[in-house]
């Protein structure tokens, strides 16, 4: 979400006497740490929407293995780490549960893959 969204008239760079309408919002400047008003554009809004959907899918995916008895020990960003029982195809079952989709996301191409290790390692 973006704070204090506003429509603003912006002068065209090639002709300051002509204007276009643009969407702006308050964002945190990473250098100064202050709130500043910035122009929003289609790519930025699309990126934000995609990240929100990905987060919702990951959250749903992390809940399903827990309901089935797997214990998460390292859910970070786009990874889920869990203690799984040895054998009995536990990794395949865990990955299938992790890739489970909520009803509203039916048909999205989501796949989970993993590996078994005695200690944490980057996959």
N, C-alpha and C. Protein backbone atom coordinates (compact mmCIF):
# COMPACT_ATOMS: atom_id res chain seq x y z
N UNK A 1 0.84 -1.18 0.00
CA UNK A 1 0.00 0.00 0.00
C UNK A 1 0.88 1.24 0.00
N UNK A 2 0.39 2.25 -0.61
CA UNK A 2 1.12 3.52 -0.69
C UNK A 2 0.36 4.57 0.10
N UNK A 3 1.09 5.34 0.90
CA UNK A 3 0.47 6.33 1.75
C UNK A 3 0.08 7.60 1.02
N UNK A 4 -1.05 8.16 1.39
CA UNK A 4 -1.53 9.45 0.90
C UNK A 4 -1.47 9.58 -0.62
N UNK A 5 -2.12 8.68 -1.36
CA UNK A 5 -2.08 8.79 -2.83
C UNK A 5 -2.80 10.05 -3.31
N UNK A 6 -2.29 10.63 -4.37
CA UNK A 6 -2.87 11.85 -4.94
C UNK A 6 -2.70 11.84 -6.46
N UNK A 7 -3.67 12.44 -7.12
CA UNK A 7 -3.51 12.73 -8.55
C UNK A 7 -2.87 14.11 -8.66
N UNK A 8 -1.89 14.22 -9.52
CA UNK A 8 -1.17 15.48 -9.62
C UNK A 8 -0.93 15.82 -11.09
N UNK A 9 -1.04 17.10 -11.41
CA UNK A 9 -0.70 17.56 -12.75
C UNK A 9 0.82 17.70 -12.84
N UNK A 10 1.40 17.03 -13.84
CA UNK A 10 2.84 17.08 -14.04
C UNK A 10 3.15 17.73 -15.38
N UNK A 11 4.09 18.67 -15.39
CA UNK A 11 4.47 19.27 -16.68
C UNK A 11 5.21 18.24 -17.54
N UNK A 12 4.95 18.29 -18.84
CA UNK A 12 5.66 17.40 -19.75
C UNK A 12 7.10 17.89 -19.88
N UNK A 13 8.08 16.99 -19.84
CA UNK A 13 9.49 17.41 -19.90
C UNK A 13 9.84 18.17 -21.17
N UNK A 14 9.20 17.83 -22.27
CA UNK A 14 9.53 18.47 -23.53
C UNK A 14 8.74 19.75 -23.78
N UNK A 15 7.69 19.99 -22.99
CA UNK A 15 6.91 21.21 -23.12
C UNK A 15 6.28 21.53 -21.77
N UNK A 16 6.96 22.33 -20.95
CA UNK A 16 6.46 22.62 -19.60
C UNK A 16 5.09 23.30 -19.55
N UNK A 17 4.61 23.80 -20.67
CA UNK A 17 3.29 24.44 -20.69
C UNK A 17 2.17 23.42 -20.81
N UNK A 18 2.51 22.17 -21.18
CA UNK A 18 1.52 21.10 -21.26
C UNK A 18 1.65 20.19 -20.04
N UNK A 19 0.51 19.64 -19.63
CA UNK A 19 0.51 18.80 -18.42
C UNK A 19 -0.10 17.44 -18.70
N UNK A 20 0.28 16.47 -17.88
CA UNK A 20 -0.38 15.17 -17.84
C UNK A 20 -0.74 14.90 -16.39
N UNK A 21 -1.71 14.03 -16.18
CA UNK A 21 -2.08 13.65 -14.82
C UNK A 21 -1.28 12.42 -14.43
N UNK A 22 -0.84 12.41 -13.19
CA UNK A 22 -0.08 11.26 -12.70
C UNK A 22 -0.44 10.94 -11.27
N UNK A 23 -0.19 9.71 -10.88
CA UNK A 23 -0.47 9.24 -9.53
C UNK A 23 0.81 9.37 -8.69
N UNK A 24 0.69 9.96 -7.51
CA UNK A 24 1.82 10.08 -6.60
C UNK A 24 1.43 9.53 -5.23
N UNK A 25 2.43 9.24 -4.43
CA UNK A 25 2.18 8.75 -3.07
C UNK A 25 3.40 9.04 -2.21
N UNK A 26 3.20 8.98 -0.93
CA UNK A 26 4.29 9.17 0.02
C UNK A 26 5.04 7.84 0.17
N UNK A 27 6.37 7.90 -0.01
CA UNK A 27 7.22 6.73 0.15
C UNK A 27 8.42 7.10 1.00
N UNK A 28 9.03 6.11 1.58
CA UNK A 28 10.19 6.34 2.43
C UNK A 28 11.44 6.39 1.57
N UNK A 29 12.17 7.49 1.63
CA UNK A 29 13.42 7.63 0.88
C UNK A 29 14.48 6.77 1.58
N UNK A 30 15.09 5.85 0.83
CA UNK A 30 16.03 4.91 1.44
C UNK A 30 17.35 5.58 1.84
N UNK A 31 17.66 6.73 1.26
CA UNK A 31 18.91 7.41 1.60
C UNK A 31 18.76 8.30 2.83
N UNK A 32 17.73 9.16 2.80
CA UNK A 32 17.57 10.13 3.89
C UNK A 32 16.73 9.60 5.05
N UNK A 33 15.91 8.57 4.78
CA UNK A 33 15.01 8.06 5.81
C UNK A 33 13.78 8.92 6.02
N UNK A 34 13.57 9.88 5.12
CA UNK A 34 12.41 10.78 5.24
C UNK A 34 11.32 10.37 4.26
N UNK A 35 10.10 10.78 4.61
CA UNK A 35 8.97 10.54 3.71
C UNK A 35 8.98 11.59 2.62
N UNK A 36 8.85 11.15 1.37
CA UNK A 36 8.83 12.05 0.22
C UNK A 36 7.70 11.64 -0.71
N UNK A 37 7.19 12.60 -1.46
CA UNK A 37 6.15 12.30 -2.45
C UNK A 37 6.83 11.90 -3.75
N UNK A 38 6.46 10.73 -4.26
CA UNK A 38 7.06 10.21 -5.49
C UNK A 38 5.98 9.84 -6.48
N UNK A 39 6.34 9.93 -7.75
CA UNK A 39 5.43 9.51 -8.81
C UNK A 39 5.36 7.99 -8.85
N UNK A 40 4.17 7.45 -9.02
CA UNK A 40 3.98 6.02 -9.19
C UNK A 40 3.73 5.77 -10.67
N UNK A 41 4.18 4.62 -11.14
CA UNK A 41 4.00 4.28 -12.55
C UNK A 41 3.54 2.84 -12.66
N UNK A 42 3.09 2.46 -13.84
CA UNK A 42 2.49 1.15 -14.04
C UNK A 42 3.35 -0.02 -13.62
N UNK A 43 4.64 0.02 -13.94
CA UNK A 43 5.53 -1.08 -13.59
C UNK A 43 5.67 -1.25 -12.09
N UNK A 44 5.76 -0.15 -11.37
CA UNK A 44 5.89 -0.20 -9.91
C UNK A 44 4.62 -0.75 -9.27
N UNK A 45 3.47 -0.30 -9.75
CA UNK A 45 2.20 -0.80 -9.21
C UNK A 45 2.01 -2.28 -9.52
N UNK A 46 2.43 -2.71 -10.73
CA UNK A 46 2.33 -4.12 -11.10
C UNK A 46 3.24 -4.96 -10.22
N UNK A 47 4.48 -4.49 -10.00
CA UNK A 47 5.42 -5.21 -9.15
C UNK A 47 4.85 -5.39 -7.74
N UNK A 48 4.25 -4.35 -7.21
CA UNK A 48 3.68 -4.42 -5.87
C UNK A 48 2.54 -5.43 -5.81
N UNK A 49 1.68 -5.44 -6.84
CA UNK A 49 0.57 -6.39 -6.87
C UNK A 49 1.08 -7.83 -6.98
N UNK A 50 2.10 -8.06 -7.81
CA UNK A 50 2.66 -9.40 -7.97
C UNK A 50 3.29 -9.88 -6.67
N UNK A 51 4.02 -9.01 -5.98
CA UNK A 51 4.63 -9.39 -4.71
C UNK A 51 3.58 -9.71 -3.66
N UNK A 52 2.48 -8.98 -3.66
CA UNK A 52 1.41 -9.24 -2.70
C UNK A 52 0.77 -10.61 -2.95
N UNK A 53 0.54 -10.94 -4.22
CA UNK A 53 -0.03 -12.25 -4.55
C UNK A 53 0.95 -13.35 -4.18
N UNK A 54 2.23 -13.16 -4.47
CA UNK A 54 3.24 -14.17 -4.13
C UNK A 54 3.29 -14.40 -2.63
N UNK A 55 3.19 -13.33 -1.86
CA UNK A 55 3.21 -13.46 -0.39
C UNK A 55 1.99 -14.24 0.09
N UNK A 56 0.82 -13.95 -0.48
CA UNK A 56 -0.39 -14.67 -0.09
C UNK A 56 -0.28 -16.16 -0.43
N UNK A 57 0.29 -16.48 -1.59
CA UNK A 57 0.46 -17.88 -1.98
C UNK A 57 1.46 -18.58 -1.06
N UNK A 58 2.54 -17.89 -0.71
CA UNK A 58 3.54 -18.48 0.18
C UNK A 58 2.94 -18.73 1.56
N UNK A 59 2.19 -17.78 2.05
CA UNK A 59 1.55 -17.94 3.37
C UNK A 59 0.62 -19.14 3.37
N UNK A 60 -0.21 -19.24 2.33
CA UNK A 60 -1.12 -20.38 2.22
C UNK A 60 -0.31 -21.68 2.15
N UNK A 61 0.75 -21.67 1.34
CA UNK A 61 1.58 -22.86 1.19
C UNK A 61 2.27 -23.28 2.46
N UNK A 62 2.64 -22.34 3.31
CA UNK A 62 3.30 -22.69 4.57
C UNK A 62 2.32 -23.25 5.60
N UNK A 63 1.07 -22.86 5.51
CA UNK A 63 0.06 -23.35 6.45
C UNK A 63 -0.29 -24.81 6.19
N UNK A 64 -0.35 -25.20 4.92
CA UNK A 64 -0.79 -26.57 4.59
C UNK A 64 0.12 -27.65 5.18
N UNK A 65 1.46 -27.55 5.06
CA UNK A 65 2.30 -28.58 5.69
C UNK A 65 2.17 -28.61 7.21
N UNK A 66 1.98 -27.46 7.84
CA UNK A 66 1.81 -27.45 9.29
C UNK A 66 0.55 -28.19 9.70
N UNK A 67 -0.53 -28.02 8.94
CA UNK A 67 -1.76 -28.76 9.23
C UNK A 67 -1.54 -30.27 9.11
N UNK A 68 -0.59 -30.66 8.23
CA UNK A 68 -0.32 -32.08 8.02
C UNK A 68 0.73 -32.62 9.00
N UNK A 69 1.23 -31.77 9.90
CA UNK A 69 2.14 -32.24 10.93
C UNK A 69 3.61 -31.92 10.72
N UNK A 70 3.96 -31.24 9.64
CA UNK A 70 5.35 -30.84 9.43
C UNK A 70 5.65 -29.62 10.30
N UNK A 71 6.86 -29.56 10.84
CA UNK A 71 7.24 -28.44 11.70
C UNK A 71 8.20 -27.51 10.94
N UNK A 72 7.75 -26.28 10.69
CA UNK A 72 8.60 -25.30 10.00
C UNK A 72 9.67 -24.80 10.95
N UNK A 73 10.89 -24.76 10.46
CA UNK A 73 11.99 -24.23 11.26
C UNK A 73 12.65 -23.02 10.60
N UNK A 74 12.35 -22.77 9.33
CA UNK A 74 13.02 -21.68 8.64
C UNK A 74 12.19 -21.13 7.47
N UNK A 75 11.04 -20.56 7.73
CA UNK A 75 10.34 -19.92 6.61
C UNK A 75 10.89 -18.51 6.39
N UNK A 76 11.63 -18.32 5.31
CA UNK A 76 12.25 -17.03 5.02
C UNK A 76 11.98 -16.67 3.57
N UNK A 77 11.45 -15.47 3.34
CA UNK A 77 11.19 -14.93 2.00
C UNK A 77 10.49 -15.95 1.11
N UNK A 78 11.23 -16.57 0.19
CA UNK A 78 10.60 -17.48 -0.76
C UNK A 78 10.99 -18.93 -0.50
N UNK A 79 11.41 -19.24 0.73
CA UNK A 79 11.81 -20.60 1.07
C UNK A 79 11.06 -21.08 2.31
N UNK A 80 10.81 -22.37 2.34
CA UNK A 80 10.26 -22.96 3.54
C UNK A 80 11.17 -24.09 3.98
N UNK A 81 11.57 -24.09 5.21
CA UNK A 81 12.41 -25.16 5.73
C UNK A 81 11.66 -25.88 6.83
N UNK A 82 11.67 -27.20 6.80
CA UNK A 82 10.90 -27.95 7.78
C UNK A 82 11.63 -29.22 8.18
N UNK A 83 11.31 -29.68 9.38
CA UNK A 83 11.78 -30.99 9.83
C UNK A 83 10.79 -32.00 9.27
N UNK A 84 11.31 -32.96 8.51
CA UNK A 84 10.44 -33.96 7.91
C UNK A 84 10.89 -35.35 8.36
N UNK A 85 9.97 -36.29 8.50
CA UNK A 85 10.36 -37.64 8.89
C UNK A 85 11.17 -38.30 7.77
N UNK A 86 12.11 -39.14 8.16
CA UNK A 86 12.93 -39.83 7.19
C UNK A 86 12.08 -40.87 6.46
N UNK A 87 12.28 -40.95 5.14
CA UNK A 87 11.58 -41.95 4.33
C UNK A 87 10.13 -41.59 4.09
N UNK A 88 9.37 -42.59 3.68
CA UNK A 88 7.93 -42.47 3.42
C UNK A 88 7.59 -41.33 2.46
N UNK A 89 8.53 -40.98 1.58
CA UNK A 89 8.26 -39.97 0.56
C UNK A 89 7.88 -38.62 1.17
N UNK A 90 8.46 -38.28 2.32
CA UNK A 90 8.09 -37.07 3.05
C UNK A 90 8.40 -35.80 2.27
N UNK A 91 9.52 -35.77 1.56
CA UNK A 91 9.88 -34.57 0.81
C UNK A 91 8.86 -34.29 -0.28
N UNK A 92 8.47 -35.31 -1.03
CA UNK A 92 7.48 -35.12 -2.10
C UNK A 92 6.15 -34.65 -1.52
N UNK A 93 5.77 -35.22 -0.38
CA UNK A 93 4.51 -34.82 0.27
C UNK A 93 4.58 -33.37 0.74
N UNK A 94 5.72 -33.00 1.36
CA UNK A 94 5.91 -31.62 1.83
C UNK A 94 5.84 -30.64 0.66
N UNK A 95 6.54 -30.95 -0.44
CA UNK A 95 6.53 -30.06 -1.61
C UNK A 95 5.14 -29.93 -2.21
N UNK A 96 4.39 -31.04 -2.25
CA UNK A 96 3.02 -30.98 -2.78
C UNK A 96 2.15 -30.09 -1.91
N UNK A 97 2.30 -30.20 -0.60
CA UNK A 97 1.51 -29.35 0.31
C UNK A 97 1.93 -27.89 0.20
N UNK A 98 3.23 -27.64 0.06
CA UNK A 98 3.74 -26.27 -0.07
C UNK A 98 3.21 -25.60 -1.34
N UNK A 99 3.04 -26.38 -2.40
CA UNK A 99 2.57 -25.84 -3.68
C UNK A 99 1.04 -25.82 -3.79
N UNK A 100 0.34 -26.25 -2.74
CA UNK A 100 -1.12 -26.22 -2.75
C UNK A 100 -1.60 -24.78 -2.91
N UNK A 101 -2.61 -24.59 -3.72
CA UNK A 101 -3.11 -23.24 -4.00
C UNK A 101 -4.47 -23.00 -3.37
N UNK A 102 -4.72 -21.77 -2.91
CA UNK A 102 -6.07 -21.43 -2.47
C UNK A 102 -7.01 -21.41 -3.68
N UNK A 103 -8.29 -21.50 -3.43
CA UNK A 103 -9.26 -21.57 -4.52
C UNK A 103 -9.17 -20.43 -5.52
N UNK A 104 -8.90 -19.21 -5.04
CA UNK A 104 -8.86 -18.05 -5.94
C UNK A 104 -7.66 -18.09 -6.88
N UNK A 105 -6.66 -18.95 -6.60
CA UNK A 105 -5.45 -18.99 -7.43
C UNK A 105 -5.41 -20.22 -8.32
N UNK A 106 -6.55 -20.91 -8.47
CA UNK A 106 -6.59 -22.13 -9.27
C UNK A 106 -5.99 -21.87 -10.65
N UNK A 107 -5.12 -22.76 -11.08
CA UNK A 107 -4.55 -22.68 -12.41
C UNK A 107 -3.20 -21.97 -12.50
N UNK A 108 -2.78 -21.30 -11.43
CA UNK A 108 -1.47 -20.65 -11.47
C UNK A 108 -0.38 -21.71 -11.49
N UNK A 109 0.67 -21.51 -12.27
CA UNK A 109 1.73 -22.52 -12.35
C UNK A 109 2.71 -22.42 -11.18
N UNK A 110 2.36 -23.02 -10.07
CA UNK A 110 3.19 -22.99 -8.87
C UNK A 110 3.75 -24.38 -8.62
N UNK A 111 5.06 -24.45 -8.41
CA UNK A 111 5.74 -25.71 -8.16
C UNK A 111 6.67 -25.52 -6.98
N UNK A 112 6.80 -26.52 -6.13
CA UNK A 112 7.76 -26.48 -5.03
C UNK A 112 8.76 -27.61 -5.23
N UNK A 113 10.01 -27.34 -4.95
CA UNK A 113 11.06 -28.35 -5.06
C UNK A 113 11.91 -28.26 -3.80
N UNK A 114 12.61 -29.31 -3.48
CA UNK A 114 13.41 -29.28 -2.28
C UNK A 114 14.47 -30.35 -2.25
N UNK A 115 15.11 -30.47 -1.11
CA UNK A 115 16.14 -31.47 -0.90
C UNK A 115 16.17 -31.82 0.58
N UNK A 116 16.80 -32.93 0.89
CA UNK A 116 16.92 -33.37 2.27
C UNK A 116 18.38 -33.21 2.69
N UNK A 117 18.59 -32.60 3.85
CA UNK A 117 19.95 -32.41 4.37
C UNK A 117 19.91 -32.53 5.89
N UNK A 118 21.04 -32.88 6.47
CA UNK A 118 21.11 -32.97 7.93
C UNK A 118 21.26 -31.60 8.56
N UNK A 119 21.80 -30.64 7.82
CA UNK A 119 21.99 -29.27 8.30
C UNK A 119 21.49 -28.31 7.23
N UNK A 120 21.26 -27.07 7.64
CA UNK A 120 20.81 -26.06 6.67
C UNK A 120 21.89 -25.79 5.63
N UNK A 121 21.45 -25.66 4.38
CA UNK A 121 22.33 -25.23 3.30
C UNK A 121 21.47 -24.52 2.27
N UNK A 122 22.07 -23.64 1.51
CA UNK A 122 21.34 -22.97 0.45
C UNK A 122 21.11 -23.95 -0.67
N UNK A 123 19.86 -23.94 -1.21
CA UNK A 123 19.51 -24.88 -2.27
C UNK A 123 19.85 -24.40 -3.64
